Each structure stands twice: as structure tokens, then as C-alpha cells.
C-alpha atoms as a PDB file:
ATOM      1  CA  UNK A   1     125.471 161.208  59.094  1.00  0.00           C
ATOM      2  CA  UNK A   2     126.878 158.479  56.855  1.00  0.00           C
ATOM      3  CA  UNK A   3     127.947 155.310  58.640  1.00  0.00           C
ATOM      4  CA  UNK A   4     131.400 153.821  58.154  1.00  0.00           C
ATOM      5  CA  UNK A   5     131.085 150.487  56.300  1.00  0.00           C
ATOM      6  CA  UNK A   6     133.180 147.340  56.598  1.00  0.00           C
ATOM      7  CA  UNK A   7     132.550 143.939  55.066  1.00  0.00           C
ATOM      8  CA  UNK A   8     131.456 142.597  51.698  1.00  0.00           C
ATOM      9  CA  UNK A   9     128.168 144.476  51.274  1.00  0.00           C
ATOM     10  CA  UNK A  10     127.610 147.936  49.847  1.00  0.00           C
ATOM     11  CA  UNK A  11     125.360 150.451  51.586  1.00  0.00           C
ATOM     12  CA  UNK A  12     122.583 149.463  49.175  1.00  0.00           C
ATOM     13  CA  UNK A  13     122.957 145.773  50.058  1.00  0.00           C
ATOM     14  CA  UNK A  14     122.954 146.592  53.773  1.00  0.00           C
ATOM     15  CA  UNK A  15     119.852 148.760  53.344  1.00  0.00           C
ATOM     16  CA  UNK A  16     118.084 145.963  51.459  1.00  0.00           C
ATOM     17  CA  UNK A  17     119.015 143.335  54.047  1.00  0.00           C
ATOM     18  CA  UNK A  18     117.940 145.453  57.033  1.00  0.00           C
ATOM     19  CA  UNK A  19     114.684 146.381  55.297  1.00  0.00           C
ATOM     20  CA  UNK A  20     113.754 142.814  54.403  1.00  0.00           C
ATOM     21  CA  UNK A  21     115.044 140.784  57.380  1.00  0.00           C
ATOM     22  CA  UNK A  22     112.377 139.925  59.928  1.00  0.00           C
ATOM     23  CA  UNK A  23     114.577 138.481  62.642  1.00  0.00           C
ATOM     24  CA  UNK A  24     114.743 140.505  65.849  1.00  0.00           C
ATOM     25  CA  UNK A  25     117.425 143.126  66.339  1.00  0.00           C
ATOM     26  CA  UNK A  26     119.846 142.341  69.141  1.00  0.00           C
ATOM     27  CA  UNK A  27     120.466 145.654  70.871  1.00  0.00           C
ATOM     28  CA  UNK A  28     123.384 145.991  73.287  1.00  0.00           C
ATOM     29  CA  UNK A  29     123.900 148.742  75.851  1.00  0.00           C
ATOM     30  CA  UNK A  30     125.875 149.089  79.062  1.00  0.00           C
ATOM     31  CA  UNK A  31     124.435 148.327  82.451  1.00  0.00           C
ATOM     32  CA  UNK A  32     125.179 150.372  85.538  1.00  0.00           C
ATOM     33  CA  UNK A  33     127.732 147.743  86.557  1.00  0.00           C
ATOM     34  CA  UNK A  34     129.700 148.289  83.330  1.00  0.00           C
ATOM     35  CA  UNK A  35     128.725 144.954  81.797  1.00  0.00           C
ATOM     36  CA  UNK A  36     126.894 144.829  78.448  1.00  0.00           C
ATOM     37  CA  UNK A  37     123.227 143.903  78.222  1.00  0.00           C
ATOM     38  CA  UNK A  38     121.802 142.426  75.023  1.00  0.00           C
ATOM     39  CA  UNK A  39     118.063 142.700  74.395  1.00  0.00           C
ATOM     40  CA  UNK A  40     116.213 141.307  71.382  1.00  0.00           C
ATOM     41  CA  UNK A  41     113.594 143.689  70.003  1.00  0.00           C
ATOM     42  CA  UNK A  42     111.499 143.957  66.865  1.00  0.00           C
ATOM     43  CA  UNK A  43     112.691 146.685  64.531  1.00  0.00           C
ATOM     44  CA  UNK A  44     112.040 148.529  61.308  1.00  0.00           C
ATOM     45  CA  UNK A  45     114.751 150.044  59.117  1.00  0.00           C
ATOM     46  CA  UNK A  46     114.073 153.210  57.123  1.00  0.00           C
ATOM     47  CA  UNK A  47     116.079 156.197  55.923  1.00  0.00           C
ATOM     48  CA  UNK A  48     119.296 154.786  57.386  1.00  0.00           C
ATOM     49  CA  UNK A  49     117.925 154.367  60.916  1.00  0.00           C
ATOM     50  CA  UNK A  50     116.640 151.506  63.044  1.00  0.00           C
ATOM     51  CA  UNK A  51     113.323 152.013  64.851  1.00  0.00           C
ATOM     52  CA  UNK A  52     112.208 149.931  67.861  1.00  0.00           C
ATOM     53  CA  UNK A  53     109.820 150.354  70.751  1.00  0.00           C
ATOM     54  CA  UNK A  54     109.888 149.374  74.388  1.00  0.00           C
ATOM     55  CA  UNK A  55     107.582 150.093  77.298  1.00  0.00           C
ATOM     56  CA  UNK A  56     108.642 153.241  79.109  1.00  0.00           C
ATOM     57  CA  UNK A  57     109.171 151.288  82.353  1.00  0.00           C
ATOM     58  CA  UNK A  58     111.297 148.567  80.721  1.00  0.00           C
ATOM     59  CA  UNK A  59     114.867 148.063  81.915  1.00  0.00           C
ATOM     60  CA  UNK A  60     116.059 148.689  78.338  1.00  0.00           C
ATOM     61  CA  UNK A  61     114.672 152.224  78.394  1.00  0.00           C
ATOM     62  CA  UNK A  62     116.294 152.889  81.790  1.00  0.00           C
ATOM     63  CA  UNK A  63     119.656 151.723  80.432  1.00  0.00           C
ATOM     64  CA  UNK A  64     119.367 153.881  77.313  1.00  0.00           C
ATOM     65  CA  UNK A  65     118.487 156.903  79.437  1.00  0.00           C
ATOM     66  CA  UNK A  66     121.860 156.462  81.169  1.00  0.00           C
ATOM     67  CA  UNK A  67     123.877 155.927  78.003  1.00  0.00           C
ATOM     68  CA  UNK A  68     123.029 156.419  74.351  1.00  0.00           C
ATOM     69  CA  UNK A  69     125.860 154.383  72.793  1.00  0.00           C
ATOM     70  CA  UNK A  70     124.676 151.018  71.517  1.00  0.00           C
ATOM     71  CA  UNK A  71     125.787 147.988  69.580  1.00  0.00           C
ATOM     72  CA  UNK A  72     123.396 145.945  67.456  1.00  0.00           C
ATOM     73  CA  UNK A  73     123.151 142.895  65.252  1.00  0.00           C
ATOM     74  CA  UNK A  74     120.589 141.603  62.770  1.00  0.00           C
ATOM     75  CA  UNK A  75     121.252 138.009  61.712  1.00  0.00           C
ATOM     76  CA  UNK A  76     119.448 134.668  61.669  1.00  0.00           C
ATOM     77  CA  UNK A  77     120.456 131.808  63.941  1.00  0.00           C
ATOM     78  CA  UNK A  78     120.542 129.280  61.109  1.00  0.00           C
ATOM     79  CA  UNK A  79     122.639 128.946  57.935  1.00  0.00           C
ATOM     80  CA  UNK A  80     123.563 130.566  55.725  1.00  0.00           C
ATOM     81  CA  UNK A  81     125.198 132.827  58.256  1.00  0.00           C
ATOM     82  CA  UNK A  82     125.068 136.445  57.159  1.00  0.00           C
ATOM     83  CA  UNK A  83     123.968 139.728  58.585  1.00  0.00           C
ATOM     84  CA  UNK A  84     124.766 143.212  59.749  1.00  0.00           C
ATOM     85  CA  UNK A  85     126.109 144.425  63.065  1.00  0.00           C
ATOM     86  CA  UNK A  86     127.110 147.869  64.091  1.00  0.00           C
ATOM     87  CA  UNK A  87     127.416 150.642  66.587  1.00  0.00           C
ATOM     88  CA  UNK A  88     125.380 153.781  66.891  1.00  0.00           C
ATOM     89  CA  UNK A  89     123.591 156.357  68.981  1.00  0.00           C
ATOM     90  CA  UNK A  90     120.118 155.725  70.397  1.00  0.00           C
ATOM     91  CA  UNK A  91     117.557 158.439  71.057  1.00  0.00           C
ATOM     92  CA  UNK A  92     114.345 158.024  73.029  1.00  0.00           C
ATOM     93  CA  UNK A  93     110.921 159.599  72.550  1.00  0.00           C
ATOM     94  CA  UNK A  94     108.600 158.759  75.430  1.00  0.00           C
ATOM     95  CA  UNK A  95     105.022 158.070  74.392  1.00  0.00           C
ATOM     96  CA  UNK A  96     105.877 158.165  70.672  1.00  0.00           C
ATOM     97  CA  UNK A  97     106.100 154.414  70.081  1.00  0.00           C
ATOM     98  CA  UNK A  98     102.425 153.561  69.575  1.00  0.00           C
ATOM     99  CA  UNK A  99     102.273 154.078  65.834  1.00  0.00           C
ATOM    100  CA  UNK A 100     105.588 152.280  65.368  1.00  0.00           C
ATOM    101  CA  UNK A 101     104.319 149.416  67.531  1.00  0.00           C
ATOM    102  CA  UNK A 102     101.331 148.869  65.228  1.00  0.00           C
ATOM    103  CA  UNK A 103     103.659 148.612  62.250  1.00  0.00           C
ATOM    104  CA  UNK A 104     105.964 146.204  64.070  1.00  0.00           C
ATOM    105  CA  UNK A 105     103.029 143.971  64.967  1.00  0.00           C
ATOM    106  CA  UNK A 106     102.084 143.876  61.304  1.00  0.00           C
ATOM    107  CA  UNK A 107     105.676 143.148  60.272  1.00  0.00           C
ATOM    108  CA  UNK A 108     106.405 140.396  62.810  1.00  0.00           C
ATOM    109  CA  UNK A 109     102.992 138.895  63.587  1.00  0.00           C
ATOM    110  CA  UNK A 110     101.192 139.617  60.323  1.00  0.00           C
ATOM    111  CA  UNK A 111      98.480 141.660  62.013  1.00  0.00           C
ATOM    112  CA  UNK A 112      97.012 142.922  65.239  1.00  0.00           C
ATOM    113  CA  UNK A 113      94.371 140.264  65.943  1.00  0.00           C
ATOM    114  CA  UNK A 114      96.346 138.072  68.368  1.00  0.00           C
ATOM    115  CA  UNK A 115      96.012 138.322  72.134  1.00  0.00           C
ATOM    116  CA  UNK A 116      99.635 139.485  72.340  1.00  0.00           C
ATOM    117  CA  UNK A 117      99.055 142.239  69.779  1.00  0.00           C
ATOM    118  CA  UNK A 118      95.898 143.417  71.525  1.00  0.00           C
ATOM    119  CA  UNK A 119      97.632 143.503  74.908  1.00  0.00           C
ATOM    120  CA  UNK A 120     100.579 145.477  73.516  1.00  0.00           C
ATOM    121  CA  UNK A 121      98.273 147.916  71.718  1.00  0.00           C
ATOM    122  CA  UNK A 122      96.233 148.447  74.906  1.00  0.00           C
ATOM    123  CA  UNK A 123      99.230 150.277  76.352  1.00  0.00           C
ATOM    124  CA  UNK A 124     100.557 151.830  73.133  1.00  0.00           C
ATOM    125  CA  UNK A 125     100.612 155.339  74.633  1.00  0.00           C
ATOM    126  CA  UNK A 126     103.175 154.067  77.158  1.00  0.00           C
ATOM    127  CA  UNK A 127     105.610 152.879  74.477  1.00  0.00           C
ATOM    128  CA  UNK A 128     108.917 154.664  73.992  1.00  0.00           C
ATOM    129  CA  UNK A 129     110.239 155.028  70.469  1.00  0.00           C
ATOM    130  CA  UNK A 130     113.912 154.044  70.217  1.00  0.00           C
ATOM    131  CA  UNK A 131     115.739 155.372  67.172  1.00  0.00           C
ATOM    132  CA  UNK A 132     119.245 154.107  66.449  1.00  0.00           C
ATOM    133  CA  UNK A 133     121.449 156.085  64.095  1.00  0.00           C
ATOM    134  CA  UNK A 134     124.224 153.750  62.949  1.00  0.00           C
ATOM    135  CA  UNK A 135     127.762 155.156  63.007  1.00  0.00           C
ATOM    136  CA  UNK A 136     129.518 151.939  61.930  1.00  0.00           C
ATOM    137  CA  UNK A 137     128.105 149.011  59.968  1.00  0.00           C
ATOM    138  CA  UNK A 138     129.807 145.645  59.557  1.00  0.00           C
ATOM    139  CA  UNK A 139     128.379 143.080  57.136  1.00  0.00           C
ATOM    140  CA  UNK A 140     129.296 139.421  56.729  1.00  0.00           C
ATOM    141  CA  UNK A 141     128.048 136.725  54.393  1.00  0.00           C
ATOM    142  CA  UNK A 142     129.162 133.093  54.528  1.00  0.00           C
ATOM    143  CA  UNK A 143     126.528 131.917  52.014  1.00  0.00           C
ATOM    144  CA  UNK A 144     129.150 130.894  49.429  1.00  0.00           C
ATOM    145  CA  UNK A 145     130.887 128.664  51.980  1.00  0.00           C
ATOM    146  CA  UNK A 146     127.686 126.927  52.996  1.00  0.00           C
END
């Protein structure tokens, strides 16, 4: 499915940004009380989809089991302010996040030698793969103003 685009960037520019940015993805879903929850997770972007992992017992996974509609944003907290936000559908694959986790550790930590990386990898078979298929993408870029 091709996402609806709004904002100054083309699909190619959005793809490049999401591929290269190494800030966490802010993933939003609805809680049982009807209020949104926003969770920051590491991600990888490939073939038009966002890939994340979370432990199968994490509250995020429980929320996504109840509702697959999500919002997301990838943007830095410092100038120049630019990024991509959107809406999409999340799917879960229990136990399929281990390989993705290793790649995310490489991407965000530069390897798997740290204590954090080793602890996360020790339970890799318990990781749930979260795949987000964007339906709408909104880009913004205030670089010229800054």
C-alpha cells in the first residue's frame, strides 16, 4: 500500500530521512482508558515499513494487541527542526524480534558488547517484532528558517 504524503518532502526524501535518522521512533497507541500512550523505541526503516521490537510482556505489546492503529514520529529534539510523522497499522510477531534486535543494537549502540546489549540479547527469543505499515506520512523541515 502506498502512503498518502503531505509536506515538503517527496517519498524518496522521506525514505532517505527514515533510513538515516538514528533518533528513536515515538510510537503512539491508545490505552484501555481511551487516552494515547507514546513510547520511544529504536527502529529500522526498510521497504516502506518501520520495524521495532519490544519484549512480549511489555505494556506496549499489550496495547498493540488491543488496537493496531498507531501514530508515530521520527524527529530530533534540537534544531534544525525537521522530521516525519504519520499514522499506520502495526502488526505483531511474537518471538520474531531477536534478529531485528541485534540489528537495532548495532544501529543505535554501535555493537553488542555493552552490558545493556548483552542483557537484551539474553532474552532475544522473547522479543516481539512490531512492523508498522504507514498509511499517511507528514514531513516538515524548518532548516531554512533556522
